[in-house]
Protein backbone atom coordinates (compact mmCIF):
# COMPACT_ATOMS: atom_id res chain seq x y z
CA MET A 1 0.00 0.00 0.00
CA PRO A 2 1.48 3.40 -0.99
CA GLU A 3 2.26 5.88 1.75
CA SER A 4 -0.15 8.75 2.29
CA ASN A 5 0.80 12.28 1.34
CA ASP A 6 0.73 13.18 5.05
CA ALA A 7 3.26 10.45 5.89
CA ILE A 8 5.54 11.50 3.03
CA SER A 9 5.22 15.17 3.99
CA SER A 10 6.03 14.34 7.61
CA ALA A 11 9.10 12.32 6.56
CA VAL A 12 10.33 15.17 4.36
CA ASN A 13 9.84 17.67 7.20
CA ASN A 14 11.79 15.39 9.57
CA VAL A 15 14.65 15.14 7.07
CA LEU A 16 14.72 18.93 6.62
CA ALA A 17 14.65 19.53 10.38
CA LEU A 18 17.54 17.14 10.97
CA THR A 19 19.66 18.47 8.13
CA ASN A 20 19.10 22.01 9.49
CA LYS A 21 20.34 20.87 12.93
CA VAL A 22 23.33 18.98 11.52
CA PRO A 23 25.17 21.06 8.90
CA ALA A 24 26.83 19.20 6.03
CA HIS A 25 30.33 19.48 7.52
CA HIS A 26 29.11 17.64 10.66
CA GLN A 27 27.45 14.76 8.80
CA GLY A 28 29.18 11.39 8.86
CA LEU A 29 29.61 9.01 5.94
CA HIS A 30 26.38 7.16 6.75
CA PHE A 31 24.36 10.20 7.82
CA GLU A 32 21.64 9.42 5.27
CA ASP A 33 20.89 6.20 7.20
CA LEU A 34 19.65 8.40 10.06
CA LEU A 35 17.17 10.29 7.90
CA LEU A 36 14.55 7.81 6.78
CA ILE A 37 13.41 4.50 8.17
CA ASP A 38 14.67 1.71 5.98
CA HIS A 39 15.38 -1.98 6.23
CA LYS A 40 19.09 -1.51 7.03
CA THR A 41 18.86 0.64 10.16
CA SER A 42 16.48 0.11 13.07
CA GLU A 43 14.46 3.01 14.49
CA ASP A 44 16.30 2.74 17.83
CA VAL A 45 19.70 3.00 16.18
CA GLN A 46 18.47 5.90 14.04
CA ARG A 47 17.10 7.74 17.10
CA VAL A 48 20.37 7.41 19.03
CA GLY A 49 22.45 8.19 15.93
CA ARG A 50 20.39 11.33 15.27
CA ALA A 51 20.81 12.46 18.89
CA LEU A 52 24.58 11.94 18.70
CA ALA A 53 24.80 13.79 15.36
CA ILE A 54 22.80 16.74 16.70
CA CYS A 55 24.81 16.91 19.92
CA TRP A 56 28.12 16.74 17.98
CA ALA A 57 26.99 19.52 15.62
CA ARG A 58 25.81 21.68 18.54
CA ARG A 59 29.10 21.28 20.40
CA ASN A 60 31.10 22.18 17.30
CA THR A 61 29.52 25.56 16.61
CA GLY A 62 31.52 28.70 17.16
CA ASN A 63 34.87 27.79 18.70
CA SER A 64 35.02 24.25 17.32
CA LEU A 65 35.44 21.42 19.81
CA LEU A 66 37.27 19.40 17.18
CA PHE A 67 39.68 22.28 16.54
CA ARG A 68 40.38 22.59 20.27
CA LEU A 69 40.94 18.83 20.55
CA LEU A 70 43.43 18.79 17.68
CA ALA A 71 45.30 22.01 18.46
CA SER A 72 45.46 22.07 22.24
CA GLU A 73 48.22 24.27 23.59
CA SER A 74 48.54 21.97 26.58
CA SER A 75 49.41 19.03 24.36
CA PRO A 76 53.11 18.18 24.04
CA ARG A 77 52.39 17.54 20.34
CA ASN A 78 50.83 20.95 19.76
CA ILE A 79 50.51 20.60 16.02
CA MET A 80 47.79 21.54 13.65
CA VAL A 81 46.83 18.21 12.15
CA ALA A 82 44.91 19.60 9.20
CA ARG A 83 46.90 21.97 7.00
CA SER A 84 44.30 22.69 4.32
CA LEU A 85 40.55 23.10 4.00
CA ARG A 86 40.38 19.67 2.34
CA GLU A 87 42.19 18.09 5.29
CA TRP A 88 39.75 19.78 7.69
CA ASP A 89 36.83 18.48 5.62
CA VAL A 90 38.19 14.93 5.90
CA THR A 91 38.87 15.41 9.62
CA TYR A 92 35.33 16.63 10.28
CA LEU A 93 33.84 13.83 8.17
CA THR A 94 35.87 11.21 10.03
CA ALA A 95 34.98 12.59 13.45
CA ALA A 96 31.26 12.86 12.59
CA THR A 97 31.27 9.31 11.25
CA ILE A 98 32.80 7.96 14.46
CA ILE A 99 30.42 9.95 16.69
CA GLN A 100 27.42 8.65 14.73
CA TRP A 101 28.87 5.10 14.79
CA PHE A 102 28.70 5.19 18.60
CA GLY A 103 24.90 5.01 18.23
CA THR A 104 25.05 1.64 16.47
CA PRO A 105 25.00 -1.68 18.36
CA ASP A 106 28.72 -2.15 17.54
CA GLY A 107 29.53 1.36 18.73
CA MET A 108 27.59 0.94 21.96
CA SER A 109 29.26 -2.40 22.58
CA PHE A 110 32.64 -0.74 22.02
CA LEU A 111 31.85 2.05 24.51
CA SER A 112 30.52 -0.39 27.09
CA GLU A 113 33.61 -2.61 26.79
CA ALA A 114 35.94 0.39 27.04
CA PHE A 115 34.19 1.78 30.13
CA THR A 116 34.07 -1.64 31.79
CA SER A 117 37.74 -2.39 31.13
CA GLY A 118 38.60 1.00 32.62
CA GLY A 119 36.67 0.25 35.79
CA GLY A 120 33.63 2.31 34.85
CA ILE A 121 30.06 1.45 34.08
CA LEU A 122 28.22 2.42 30.96
CA GLN A 123 24.67 1.22 30.71
CA TYR A 124 22.48 1.89 27.75
CA ARG A 125 19.12 0.68 26.63
CA TYR A 126 16.63 1.73 24.06
CA SER A 127 13.42 3.10 25.52
């Protein structure tokens, strides 16, 4: 059965709202998987991935968090990793992809294992 115009309109509005919250330079390689429900990505993974993408974009506005992480004056290796706009584009794409990957089952398992092996506790569950 074809989708109703209201359902399609709602999906388009959701896509536009998310892409407005997450500018192109903060979108990971698989960002499009977060936009529409499909057979590859569950709704829970999409919801968590969208939240991570939005939070990452919000924290990287203005004085970029990624810039501060890579060019910290307190670091003994105080170097600017990216030397060109293209290198910064690749750096942002890589970082956004990893942040969004944390929302996947593999990413959550990775975080849980890392926290546990470090003596911490990380619990997550889909509501």
